[in-house]
Amino acid sequence: MKRPRPRFPLPGPVVRALRRLGADLRDARRRRRLPMSVVADRALISRVTLHKIERGNPGVSCGHYATVLFVLGRLDGLEALATTETDRVGLGLEEERLPLRVRRSRPGPRPATS
């Protein structure tokens, strides 16, 4: 039985990125000469789920994608995916909010001495 389609359409760039990720995972598996059954067993998923991942199906859990990356020794790419060092937009926005100049704070009132 087929599952119903999502209620909202995914943006085109998201669909293309998932398809590309799936194709890259399939290529990585094939370069390592690993059959689908071996990768699925190591990732603790079914072959059907692995097939969906390799097709870029958006209905598959992100955790399953990450596990397949781990099995193929490619988890480092996921870890670097959204690091703050590569967030050009965020860094640019942060830079815009920097103060124009920084002043020394005035010393507070001195305590009374007796």
PDB file of N, CA and C in Angstrom:
ATOM      1  N   MET A   1       0.831  -1.175   0.000  1.00  0.00           N
ATOM      2  CA  MET A   1       0.000   0.000   0.000  1.00  0.00           C
ATOM      3  C   MET A   1       0.885   1.251   0.000  1.00  0.00           C
ATOM      4  N   LYS A   2       0.599   2.167  -0.883  1.00  0.00           N
ATOM      5  CA  LYS A   2       1.390   3.391  -0.983  1.00  0.00           C
ATOM      6  C   LYS A   2       0.965   4.389   0.083  1.00  0.00           C
ATOM      7  N   ARG A   3       1.928   5.106   0.579  1.00  0.00           N
ATOM      8  CA  ARG A   3       1.630   6.169   1.534  1.00  0.00           C
ATOM      9  C   ARG A   3       1.143   7.390   0.769  1.00  0.00           C
ATOM     10  N   PRO A   4       0.294   8.188   1.399  1.00  0.00           N
ATOM     11  CA  PRO A   4      -0.139   9.420   0.725  1.00  0.00           C
ATOM     12  C   PRO A   4       1.015  10.403   0.616  1.00  0.00           C
ATOM     13  N   ARG A   5       0.970  11.239  -0.398  1.00  0.00           N
ATOM     14  CA  ARG A   5       1.994  12.252  -0.590  1.00  0.00           C
ATOM     15  C   ARG A   5       1.907  13.292   0.520  1.00  0.00           C
ATOM     16  N   PRO A   6       2.998  13.988   0.782  1.00  0.00           N
ATOM     17  CA  PRO A   6       2.944  15.034   1.812  1.00  0.00           C
ATOM     18  C   PRO A   6       1.904  16.091   1.457  1.00  0.00           C
ATOM     19  N   ARG A   7       1.375  16.731   2.474  1.00  0.00           N
ATOM     20  CA  ARG A   7       0.332  17.743   2.251  1.00  0.00           C
ATOM     21  C   ARG A   7       0.879  18.997   1.588  1.00  0.00           C
ATOM     22  N   PHE A   8       2.141  19.226   1.724  1.00  0.00           N
ATOM     23  CA  PHE A   8       2.746  20.421   1.146  1.00  0.00           C
ATOM     24  C   PHE A   8       3.839  20.007   0.175  1.00  0.00           C
ATOM     25  N   PRO A   9       3.959  20.699  -0.923  1.00  0.00           N
ATOM     26  CA  PRO A   9       5.028  20.349  -1.867  1.00  0.00           C
ATOM     27  C   PRO A   9       6.371  20.854  -1.351  1.00  0.00           C
ATOM     28  N   LEU A  10       7.383  20.078  -1.594  1.00  0.00           N
ATOM     29  CA  LEU A  10       8.725  20.502  -1.204  1.00  0.00           C
ATOM     30  C   LEU A  10       9.281  21.452  -2.256  1.00  0.00           C
ATOM     31  N   PRO A  11      10.072  22.421  -1.844  1.00  0.00           N
ATOM     32  CA  PRO A  11      10.702  23.312  -2.822  1.00  0.00           C
ATOM     33  C   PRO A  11      11.606  22.519  -3.763  1.00  0.00           C
ATOM     34  N   GLY A  12      11.659  22.944  -4.985  1.00  0.00           N
ATOM     35  CA  GLY A  12      12.465  22.272  -5.999  1.00  0.00           C
ATOM     36  C   GLY A  12      13.915  22.056  -5.597  1.00  0.00           C
ATOM     37  N   PRO A  13      14.589  23.077  -5.043  1.00  0.00           N
ATOM     38  CA  PRO A  13      15.976  22.869  -4.638  1.00  0.00           C
ATOM     39  C   PRO A  13      16.131  21.781  -3.570  1.00  0.00           C
ATOM     40  N   VAL A  14      15.139  21.628  -2.701  1.00  0.00           N
ATOM     41  CA  VAL A  14      15.199  20.592  -1.665  1.00  0.00           C
ATOM     42  C   VAL A  14      15.097  19.217  -2.313  1.00  0.00           C
ATOM     43  N   VAL A  15      14.172  19.070  -3.251  1.00  0.00           N
ATOM     44  CA  VAL A  15      13.995  17.792  -3.954  1.00  0.00           C
ATOM     45  C   VAL A  15      15.278  17.435  -4.701  1.00  0.00           C
ATOM     46  N   ARG A  16      15.857  18.402  -5.393  1.00  0.00           N
ATOM     47  CA  ARG A  16      17.092  18.140  -6.145  1.00  0.00           C
ATOM     48  C   ARG A  16      18.246  17.777  -5.221  1.00  0.00           C
ATOM     49  N   ALA A  17      18.339  18.462  -4.070  1.00  0.00           N
ATOM     50  CA  ALA A  17      19.423  18.176  -3.125  1.00  0.00           C
ATOM     51  C   ALA A  17      19.282  16.768  -2.543  1.00  0.00           C
ATOM     52  N   LEU A  18      18.057  16.358  -2.231  1.00  0.00           N
ATOM     53  CA  LEU A  18      17.854  15.007  -1.701  1.00  0.00           C
ATOM     54  C   LEU A  18      18.162  13.949  -2.753  1.00  0.00           C
ATOM     55  N   ARG A  19      17.765  14.208  -3.984  1.00  0.00           N
ATOM     56  CA  ARG A  19      18.077  13.257  -5.055  1.00  0.00           C
ATOM     57  C   ARG A  19      19.579  13.148  -5.261  1.00  0.00           C
ATOM     58  N   ARG A  20      20.254  14.275  -5.194  1.00  0.00           N
ATOM     59  CA  ARG A  20      21.714  14.272  -5.354  1.00  0.00           C
ATOM     60  C   ARG A  20      22.383  13.527  -4.201  1.00  0.00           C
ATOM     61  N   LEU A  21      21.896  13.766  -2.976  1.00  0.00           N
ATOM     62  CA  LEU A  21      22.436  13.061  -1.818  1.00  0.00           C
ATOM     63  C   LEU A  21      22.230  11.556  -1.971  1.00  0.00           C
ATOM     64  N   GLY A  22      21.041  11.157  -2.387  1.00  0.00           N
ATOM     65  CA  GLY A  22      20.771   9.739  -2.586  1.00  0.00           C
ATOM     66  C   GLY A  22      21.672   9.128  -3.645  1.00  0.00           C
ATOM     67  N   ALA A  23      21.848   9.835  -4.752  1.00  0.00           N
ATOM     68  CA  ALA A  23      22.723   9.338  -5.820  1.00  0.00           C
ATOM     69  C   ALA A  23      24.168   9.243  -5.338  1.00  0.00           C
ATOM     70  N   ASP A  24      24.600  10.225  -4.550  1.00  0.00           N
ATOM     71  CA  ASP A  24      25.959  10.190  -4.016  1.00  0.00           C
ATOM     72  C   ASP A  24      26.144   9.016  -3.046  1.00  0.00           C
ATOM     73  N   LEU A  25      25.129   8.751  -2.238  1.00  0.00           N
ATOM     74  CA  LEU A  25      25.199   7.614  -1.324  1.00  0.00           C
ATOM     75  C   LEU A  25      25.245   6.289  -2.103  1.00  0.00           C
ATOM     76  N   ARG A  26      24.436   6.199  -3.147  1.00  0.00           N
ATOM     77  CA  ARG A  26      24.454   4.997  -3.979  1.00  0.00           C
ATOM     78  C   ARG A  26      25.832   4.810  -4.610  1.00  0.00           C
ATOM     79  N   ASP A  27      26.397   5.894  -5.147  1.00  0.00           N
ATOM     80  CA  ASP A  27      27.726   5.806  -5.758  1.00  0.00           C
ATOM     81  C   ASP A  27      28.786   5.408  -4.732  1.00  0.00           C
ATOM     82  N   ALA A  28      28.695   5.970  -3.521  1.00  0.00           N
ATOM     83  CA  ALA A  28      29.659   5.630  -2.468  1.00  0.00           C
ATOM     84  C   ALA A  28      29.550   4.151  -2.110  1.00  0.00           C
ATOM     85  N   ARG A  29      28.342   3.642  -2.030  1.00  0.00           N
ATOM     86  CA  ARG A  29      28.148   2.224  -1.724  1.00  0.00           C
ATOM     87  C   ARG A  29      28.725   1.350  -2.828  1.00  0.00           C
ATOM     88  N   ARG A  30      28.473   1.734  -4.068  1.00  0.00           N
ATOM     89  CA  ARG A  30      28.952   0.937  -5.201  1.00  0.00           C
ATOM     90  C   ARG A  30      30.468   1.000  -5.330  1.00  0.00           C
ATOM     91  N   ARG A  31      31.074   2.170  -5.064  1.00  0.00           N
ATOM     92  CA  ARG A  31      32.531   2.280  -5.110  1.00  0.00           C
ATOM     93  C   ARG A  31      33.180   1.373  -4.069  1.00  0.00           C
ATOM     94  N   ARG A  32      32.502   1.170  -2.963  1.00  0.00           N
ATOM     95  CA  ARG A  32      33.016   0.299  -1.909  1.00  0.00           C
ATOM     96  C   ARG A  32      32.673  -1.167  -2.167  1.00  0.00           C
ATOM     97  N   ARG A  33      31.997  -1.405  -3.270  1.00  0.00           N
ATOM     98  CA  ARG A  33      31.598  -2.767  -3.675  1.00  0.00           C
ATOM     99  C   ARG A  33      30.750  -3.448  -2.603  1.00  0.00           C
ATOM    100  N   LEU A  34      29.848  -2.656  -1.983  1.00  0.00           N
ATOM    101  CA  LEU A  34      28.970  -3.202  -0.954  1.00  0.00           C
ATOM    102  C   LEU A  34      27.573  -3.412  -1.527  1.00  0.00           C
ATOM    103  N   PRO A  35      27.022  -4.615  -1.391  1.00  0.00           N
ATOM    104  CA  PRO A  35      25.646  -4.823  -1.843  1.00  0.00           C
ATOM    105  C   PRO A  35      24.663  -4.108  -0.924  1.00  0.00           C
ATOM    106  N   MET A  36      23.499  -3.823  -1.451  1.00  0.00           N
ATOM    107  CA  MET A  36      22.468  -3.140  -0.671  1.00  0.00           C
ATOM    108  C   MET A  36      22.154  -3.890   0.618  1.00  0.00           C
ATOM    109  N   SER A  37      22.120  -5.202   0.543  1.00  0.00           N
ATOM    110  CA  SER A  37      21.752  -5.987   1.726  1.00  0.00           C
ATOM    111  C   SER A  37      22.754  -5.790   2.864  1.00  0.00           C
ATOM    112  N   VAL A  38      24.037  -5.671   2.539  1.00  0.00           N
ATOM    113  CA  VAL A  38      25.067  -5.484   3.570  1.00  0.00           C
ATOM    114  C   VAL A  38      24.926  -4.113   4.218  1.00  0.00           C
ATOM    115  N   VAL A  39      24.774  -3.068   3.405  1.00  0.00           N
ATOM    116  CA  VAL A  39      24.638  -1.711   3.944  1.00  0.00           C
ATOM    117  C   VAL A  39      23.354  -1.614   4.760  1.00  0.00           C
ATOM    118  N   ALA A  40      22.269  -2.177   4.275  1.00  0.00           N
ATOM    119  CA  ALA A  40      21.004  -2.137   5.009  1.00  0.00           C
ATOM    120  C   ALA A  40      21.146  -2.851   6.351  1.00  0.00           C
ATOM    121  N   ASP A  41      21.793  -4.007   6.361  1.00  0.00           N
ATOM    122  CA  ASP A  41      21.986  -4.732   7.618  1.00  0.00           C
ATOM    123  C   ASP A  41      22.826  -3.923   8.602  1.00  0.00           C
ATOM    124  N   ARG A  42      23.904  -3.327   8.118  1.00  0.00           N
ATOM    125  CA  ARG A  42      24.777  -2.546   9.000  1.00  0.00           C
ATOM    126  C   ARG A  42      24.077  -1.294   9.521  1.00  0.00           C
ATOM    127  N   ALA A  43      23.188  -0.729   8.725  1.00  0.00           N
ATOM    128  CA  ALA A  43      22.460   0.470   9.131  1.00  0.00           C
ATOM    129  C   ALA A  43      21.190   0.136   9.917  1.00  0.00           C
ATOM    130  N   LEU A  44      20.899  -1.147  10.058  1.00  0.00           N
ATOM    131  CA  LEU A  44      19.705  -1.611  10.769  1.00  0.00           C
ATOM    132  C   LEU A  44      18.419  -1.090  10.135  1.00  0.00           C
ATOM    133  N   ILE A  45      18.398  -1.087   8.810  1.00  0.00           N
ATOM    134  CA  ILE A  45      17.209  -0.686   8.058  1.00  0.00           C
ATOM    135  C   ILE A  45      16.924  -1.763   7.017  1.00  0.00           C
ATOM    136  N   SER A  46      15.764  -1.678   6.399  1.00  0.00           N
ATOM    137  CA  SER A  46      15.429  -2.647   5.357  1.00  0.00           C
ATOM    138  C   SER A  46      16.047  -2.223   4.030  1.00  0.00           C
ATOM    139  N   ARG A  47      16.110  -3.163   3.100  1.00  0.00           N
ATOM    140  CA  ARG A  47      16.607  -2.837   1.764  1.00  0.00           C
ATOM    141  C   ARG A  47      15.675  -1.847   1.079  1.00  0.00           C
ATOM    142  N   VAL A  48      14.385  -1.941   1.364  1.00  0.00           N
ATOM    143  CA  VAL A  48      13.422  -1.002   0.777  1.00  0.00           C
ATOM    144  C   VAL A  48      13.734   0.419   1.241  1.00  0.00           C
ATOM    145  N   THR A  49      14.027   0.575   2.526  1.00  0.00           N
ATOM    146  CA  THR A  49      14.365   1.906   3.048  1.00  0.00           C
ATOM    147  C   THR A  49      15.662   2.415   2.429  1.00  0.00           C
ATOM    148  N   LEU A  50      16.646   1.538   2.286  1.00  0.00           N
ATOM    149  CA  LEU A  50      17.901   1.946   1.646  1.00  0.00           C
ATOM    150  C   LEU A  50      17.647   2.355   0.197  1.00  0.00           C
ATOM    151  N   HIS A  51      16.790   1.642  -0.486  1.00  0.00           N
ATOM    152  CA  HIS A  51      16.444   1.999  -1.864  1.00  0.00           C
ATOM    153  C   HIS A  51      15.798   3.391  -1.905  1.00  0.00           C
ATOM    154  N   LYS A  52      14.917   3.667  -0.948  1.00  0.00           N
ATOM    155  CA  LYS A  52      14.287   4.994  -0.875  1.00  0.00           C
ATOM    156  C   LYS A  52      15.327   6.079  -0.611  1.00  0.00           C
ATOM    157  N   ILE A  53      16.289   5.783   0.259  1.00  0.00           N
ATOM    158  CA  ILE A  53      17.345   6.749   0.556  1.00  0.00           C
ATOM    159  C   ILE A  53      18.152   7.039  -0.707  1.00  0.00           C
ATOM    160  N   GLU A  54      18.495   5.998  -1.427  1.00  0.00           N
ATOM    161  CA  GLU A  54      19.302   6.178  -2.628  1.00  0.00           C
ATOM    162  C   GLU A  54      18.532   6.877  -3.739  1.00  0.00           C
ATOM    163  N   ARG A  55      17.231   6.929  -3.634  1.00  0.00           N
ATOM    164  CA  ARG A  55      16.412   7.679  -4.593  1.00  0.00           C
ATOM    165  C   ARG A  55      16.125   9.097  -4.098  1.00  0.00           C
ATOM    166  N   GLY A  56      16.531   9.409  -2.864  1.00  0.00           N
ATOM    167  CA  GLY A  56      16.332  10.749  -2.314  1.00  0.00           C
ATOM    168  C   GLY A  56      14.940  10.990  -1.802  1.00  0.00           C
ATOM    169  N   ASN A  57      14.283   9.957  -1.320  1.00  0.00           N
ATOM    170  CA  ASN A  57      12.914  10.072  -0.823  1.00  0.00           C
ATOM    171  C   ASN A  57      12.881  10.962   0.424  1.00  0.00           C
ATOM    172  N   PRO A  58      12.076  12.036   0.414  1.00  0.00           N
ATOM    173  CA  PRO A  58      12.028  12.944   1.556  1.00  0.00           C
ATOM    174  C   PRO A  58      11.270  12.376   2.750  1.00  0.00           C
ATOM    175  N   GLY A  59      10.561  11.271   2.566  1.00  0.00           N
ATOM    176  CA  GLY A  59       9.807  10.687   3.660  1.00  0.00           C
ATOM    177  C   GLY A  59      10.638   9.813   4.579  1.00  0.00           C
ATOM    178  N   VAL A  60      11.885   9.567   4.220  1.00  0.00           N
ATOM    179  CA  VAL A  60      12.756   8.735   5.050  1.00  0.00           C
ATOM    180  C   VAL A  60      13.358   9.598   6.149  1.00  0.00           C
ATOM    181  N   SER A  61      13.450   9.038   7.331  1.00  0.00           N
ATOM    182  CA  SER A  61      13.982   9.752   8.493  1.00  0.00           C
ATOM    183  C   SER A  61      15.393  10.268   8.242  1.00  0.00           C
ATOM    184  N   CYS A  62      15.649  11.460   8.735  1.00  0.00           N
ATOM    185  CA  CYS A  62      16.995  12.044   8.647  1.00  0.00           C
ATOM    186  C   CYS A  62      17.994  11.154   9.378  1.00  0.00           C
ATOM    187  N   GLY A  63      17.540  10.498  10.430  1.00  0.00           N
ATOM    188  CA  GLY A  63      18.406   9.587  11.170  1.00  0.00           C
ATOM    189  C   GLY A  63      18.850   8.413  10.328  1.00  0.00           C
ATOM    190  N   HIS A  64      17.974   7.934   9.444  1.00  0.00           N
ATOM    191  CA  HIS A  64      18.358   6.837   8.556  1.00  0.00           C
ATOM    192  C   HIS A  64      19.408   7.298   7.552  1.00  0.00           C
ATOM    193  N   TYR A  65      19.230   8.499   7.006  1.00  0.00           N
ATOM    194  CA  TYR A  65      20.249   9.053   6.106  1.00  0.00           C
ATOM    195  C   TYR A  65      21.590   9.136   6.831  1.00  0.00           C
ATOM    196  N   ALA A  66      21.570   9.652   8.083  1.00  0.00           N
ATOM    197  CA  ALA A  66      22.801   9.805   8.856  1.00  0.00           C
ATOM    198  C   ALA A  66      23.443   8.453   9.143  1.00  0.00           C
ATOM    199  N   THR A  67      22.634   7.446   9.424  1.00  0.00           N
ATOM    200  CA  THR A  67      23.181   6.124   9.711  1.00  0.00           C
ATOM    201  C   THR A  67      23.854   5.532   8.482  1.00  0.00           C
ATOM    202  N   VAL A  68      23.260   5.717   7.317  1.00  0.00           N
ATOM    203  CA  VAL A  68      23.879   5.218   6.084  1.00  0.00           C
ATOM    204  C   VAL A  68      25.184   5.969   5.831  1.00  0.00           C
ATOM    205  N   LEU A  69      25.207   7.269   6.075  1.00  0.00           N
ATOM    206  CA  LEU A  69      26.459   8.021   5.955  1.00  0.00           C
ATOM    207  C   LEU A  69      27.526   7.439   6.886  1.00  0.00           C
ATOM    208  N   PHE A  70      27.127   7.101   8.099  1.00  0.00           N
ATOM    209  CA  PHE A  70      28.056   6.516   9.065  1.00  0.00           C
ATOM    210  C   PHE A  70      28.584   5.169   8.575  1.00  0.00           C
ATOM    211  N   VAL A  71      27.687   4.333   8.087  1.00  0.00           N
ATOM    212  CA  VAL A  71      28.087   3.003   7.603  1.00  0.00           C
ATOM    213  C   VAL A  71      29.088   3.124   6.461  1.00  0.00           C
ATOM    214  N   LEU A  72      28.908   4.136   5.629  1.00  0.00           N
ATOM    215  CA  LEU A  72      29.803   4.322   4.479  1.00  0.00           C
ATOM    216  C   LEU A  72      31.046   5.141   4.825  1.00  0.00           C
ATOM    217  N   GLY A  73      31.170   5.533   6.100  1.00  0.00           N
ATOM    218  CA  GLY A  73      32.345   6.300   6.521  1.00  0.00           C
ATOM    219  C   GLY A  73      32.315   7.738   6.041  1.00  0.00           C
ATOM    220  N   ARG A  74      31.118   8.297   5.847  1.00  0.00           N
ATOM    221  CA  ARG A  74      30.985   9.652   5.320  1.00  0.00           C
ATOM    222  C   ARG A  74      30.274  10.589   6.282  1.00  0.00           C
ATOM    223  N   LEU A  75      30.247  10.262   7.564  1.00  0.00           N
ATOM    224  CA  LEU A  75      29.521  11.078   8.536  1.00  0.00           C
ATOM    225  C   LEU A  75      30.151  12.450   8.730  1.00  0.00           C
ATOM    226  N   ASP A  76      31.444  12.592   8.450  1.00  0.00           N
ATOM    227  CA  ASP A  76      32.117  13.878   8.617  1.00  0.00           C
ATOM    228  C   ASP A  76      31.456  14.962   7.779  1.00  0.00           C
ATOM    229  N   GLY A  77      30.943  14.609   6.627  1.00  0.00           N
ATOM    230  CA  GLY A  77      30.254  15.589   5.787  1.00  0.00           C
ATOM    231  C   GLY A  77      28.992  16.110   6.446  1.00  0.00           C
ATOM    232  N   LEU A  78      28.305  15.266   7.178  1.00  0.00           N
ATOM    233  CA  LEU A  78      27.092  15.687   7.876  1.00  0.00           C
ATOM    234  C   LEU A  78      27.429  16.606   9.035  1.00  0.00           C
ATOM    235  N   GLU A  79      28.499  16.298   9.740  1.00  0.00           N
ATOM    236  CA  GLU A  79      28.902  17.122  10.877  1.00  0.00           C
ATOM    237  C   GLU A  79      29.272  18.535  10.436  1.00  0.00           C
ATOM    238  N   ALA A  80      29.827  18.676   9.258  1.00  0.00           N
ATOM    239  CA  ALA A  80      30.257  19.987   8.766  1.00  0.00           C
ATOM    240  C   ALA A  80      29.151  20.721   8.014  1.00  0.00           C
ATOM    241  N   LEU A  81      27.988  20.116   7.918  1.00  0.00           N
ATOM    242  CA  LEU A  81      26.918  20.650   7.087  1.00  0.00           C
ATOM    243  C   LEU A  81      26.458  22.044   7.490  1.00  0.00           C
ATOM    244  N   ALA A  82      26.219  22.270   8.759  1.00  0.00           N
ATOM    245  CA  ALA A  82      25.672  23.552   9.185  1.00  0.00           C
ATOM    246  C   ALA A  82      26.533  24.212  10.257  1.00  0.00           C
ATOM    247  N   THR A  83      27.836  24.051  10.166  1.00  0.00           N
ATOM    248  CA  THR A  83      28.706  24.681  11.154  1.00  0.00           C
ATOM    249  C   THR A  83      28.643  26.191  11.014  1.00  0.00           C
ATOM    250  N   THR A  84      28.864  26.876  12.103  1.00  0.00           N
ATOM    251  CA  THR A  84      28.787  28.336  12.077  1.00  0.00           C
ATOM    252  C   THR A  84      29.885  28.949  11.221  1.00  0.00           C
ATOM    253  N   GLU A  85      31.002  28.251  11.067  1.00  0.00           N
ATOM    254  CA  GLU A  85      32.104  28.796  10.273  1.00  0.00           C
ATOM    255  C   GLU A  85      31.737  28.930   8.795  1.00  0.00           C
ATOM    256  N   THR A  86      30.804  28.105   8.317  1.00  0.00           N
ATOM    257  CA  THR A  86      30.441  28.147   6.901  1.00  0.00           C
ATOM    258  C   THR A  86      29.120  28.867   6.657  1.00  0.00           C
ATOM    259  N   ASP A  87      28.557  29.481   7.689  1.00  0.00           N
ATOM    260  CA  ASP A  87      27.282  30.186   7.568  1.00  0.00           C
ATOM    261  C   ASP A  87      27.546  31.633   7.148  1.00  0.00           C
ATOM    262  N   ARG A  88      27.699  31.832   5.830  1.00  0.00           N
ATOM    263  CA  ARG A  88      28.040  33.171   5.328  1.00  0.00           C
ATOM    264  C   ARG A  88      26.960  34.190   5.652  1.00  0.00           C
ATOM    265  N   VAL A  89      25.709  33.820   5.513  1.00  0.00           N
ATOM    266  CA  VAL A  89      24.614  34.758   5.784  1.00  0.00           C
ATOM    267  C   VAL A  89      24.597  35.136   7.257  1.00  0.00           C
ATOM    268  N   GLY A  90      24.671  34.131   8.135  1.00  0.00           N
ATOM    269  CA  GLY A  90      24.656  34.399   9.572  1.00  0.00           C
ATOM    270  C   GLY A  90      25.838  35.241  10.015  1.00  0.00           C
ATOM    271  N   LEU A  91      27.017  34.928   9.487  1.00  0.00           N
ATOM    272  CA  LEU A  91      28.197  35.705   9.846  1.00  0.00           C
ATOM    273  C   LEU A  91      28.090  37.143   9.338  1.00  0.00           C
ATOM    274  N   GLY A  92      27.510  37.298   8.143  1.00  0.00           N
ATOM    275  CA  GLY A  92      27.320  38.649   7.603  1.00  0.00           C
ATOM    276  C   GLY A  92      26.347  39.460   8.432  1.00  0.00           C
ATOM    277  N   LEU A  93      25.256  38.831   8.863  1.00  0.00           N
ATOM    278  CA  LEU A  93      24.280  39.524   9.704  1.00  0.00           C
ATOM    279  C   LEU A  93      24.884  39.886  11.056  1.00  0.00           C
ATOM    280  N   GLU A  94      25.676  39.000  11.593  1.00  0.00           N
ATOM    281  CA  GLU A  94      26.325  39.272  12.868  1.00  0.00           C
ATOM    282  C   GLU A  94      27.286  40.438  12.726  1.00  0.00           C
ATOM    283  N   GLU A  95      28.007  40.478  11.622  1.00  0.00           N
ATOM    284  CA  GLU A  95      28.969  41.550  11.396  1.00  0.00           C
ATOM    285  C   GLU A  95      28.267  42.899  11.256  1.00  0.00           C
ATOM    286  N   GLU A  96      27.075  42.906  10.654  1.00  0.00           N
ATOM    287  CA  GLU A  96      26.322  44.154  10.509  1.00  0.00           C
ATOM    288  C   GLU A  96      25.924  44.727  11.856  1.00  0.00           C
ATOM    289  N   ARG A  97      25.734  43.873  12.845  1.00  0.00           N
ATOM    290  CA  ARG A  97      25.278  44.331  14.163  1.00  0.00           C
ATOM    291  C   ARG A  97      26.418  44.702  15.097  1.00  0.00           C
ATOM    292  N   LEU A  98      27.643  44.626  14.614  1.00  0.00           N
ATOM    293  CA  LEU A  98      28.763  45.004  15.467  1.00  0.00           C
ATOM    294  C   LEU A  98      28.714  46.507  15.734  1.00  0.00           C
ATOM    295  N   PRO A  99      29.072  46.933  16.942  1.00  0.00           N
ATOM    296  CA  PRO A  99      29.059  48.376  17.224  1.00  0.00           C
ATOM    297  C   PRO A  99      30.129  49.085  16.403  1.00  0.00           C
ATOM    298  N   LEU A 100      29.850  50.349  16.089  1.00  0.00           N
ATOM    299  CA  LEU A 100      30.819  51.119  15.315  1.00  0.00           C
ATOM    300  C   LEU A 100      32.075  51.400  16.130  1.00  0.00           C
ATOM    301  N   ARG A 101      31.889  51.649  17.420  1.00  0.00           N
ATOM    302  CA  ARG A 101      33.042  51.838  18.279  1.00  0.00           C
ATOM    303  C   ARG A 101      32.708  51.327  19.679  1.00  0.00           C
ATOM    304  N   VAL A 102      33.733  51.005  20.373  1.00  0.00           N
ATOM    305  CA  VAL A 102      33.584  50.476  21.725  1.00  0.00           C
ATOM    306  C   VAL A 102      34.265  51.436  22.677  1.00  0.00           C
ATOM    307  N   ARG A 103      33.539  51.832  23.713  1.00  0.00           N
ATOM    308  CA  ARG A 103      34.086  52.773  24.690  1.00  0.00           C
ATOM    309  C   ARG A 103      34.371  52.053  25.993  1.00  0.00           C
ATOM    310  N   ARG A 104      35.313  52.614  26.681  1.00  0.00           N
ATOM    311  CA  ARG A 104      35.608  52.101  28.010  1.00  0.00           C
ATOM    312  C   ARG A 104      34.444  52.442  28.920  1.00  0.00           C
ATOM    313  N   SER A 105      34.096  51.534  29.771  1.00  0.00           N
ATOM    314  CA  SER A 105      32.994  51.852  30.686  1.00  0.00           C
ATOM    315  C   SER A 105      33.505  52.775  31.774  1.00  0.00           C
ATOM    316  N   ARG A 106      32.619  53.667  32.198  1.00  0.00           N
ATOM    317  CA  ARG A 106      32.997  54.608  33.246  1.00  0.00           C
ATOM    318  C   ARG A 106      33.077  53.872  34.574  1.00  0.00           C
ATOM    319  N   PRO A 107      34.040  54.251  35.342  1.00  0.00           N
ATOM    320  CA  PRO A 107      34.106  53.599  36.656  1.00  0.00           C
ATOM    321  C   PRO A 107      32.908  54.027  37.499  1.00  0.00           C
ATOM    322  N   GLY A 108      32.404  53.142  38.303  1.00  0.00           N
ATOM    323  CA  GLY A 108      31.266  53.441  39.169  1.00  0.00           C
ATOM    324  C   GLY A 108      31.693  54.332  40.320  1.00  0.00           C
ATOM    325  N   PRO A 109      30.734  54.725  41.137  1.00  0.00           N
ATOM    326  CA  PRO A 109      31.095  55.581  42.294  1.00  0.00           C
ATOM    327  C   PRO A 109      32.031  54.824  43.226  1.00  0.00           C
ATOM    328  N   ARG A 110      32.973  55.578  43.728  1.00  0.00           N
ATOM    329  CA  ARG A 110      33.954  54.992  44.656  1.00  0.00           C
ATOM    330  C   ARG A 110      33.311  54.809  46.029  1.00  0.00           C
ATOM    331  N   PRO A 111      33.664  53.684  46.655  1.00  0.00           N
ATOM    332  CA  PRO A 111      33.122  53.517  48.013  1.00  0.00           C
ATOM    333  C   PRO A 111      33.729  54.547  48.972  1.00  0.00           C
ATOM    334  N   ALA A 112      32.921  54.969  49.918  1.00  0.00           N
ATOM    335  CA  ALA A 112      33.402  55.969  50.896  1.00  0.00           C
ATOM    336  C   ALA A 112      34.421  55.322  51.821  1.00  0.00           C
ATOM    337  N   THR A 113      35.472  56.063  52.085  1.00  0.00           N
ATOM    338  CA  THR A 113      36.490  55.536  52.985  1.00  0.00           C
ATOM    339  C   THR A 113      36.362  56.278  54.316  1.00  0.00           C
ATOM    340  N   SER A 114      36.603  55.624  55.380  1.00  0.00           N
ATOM    341  CA  SER A 114      36.494  56.292  56.668  1.00  0.00           C
ATOM    342  C   SER A 114      37.816  56.519  57.298  1.00  0.00           C
TER     343      SER A 114
END
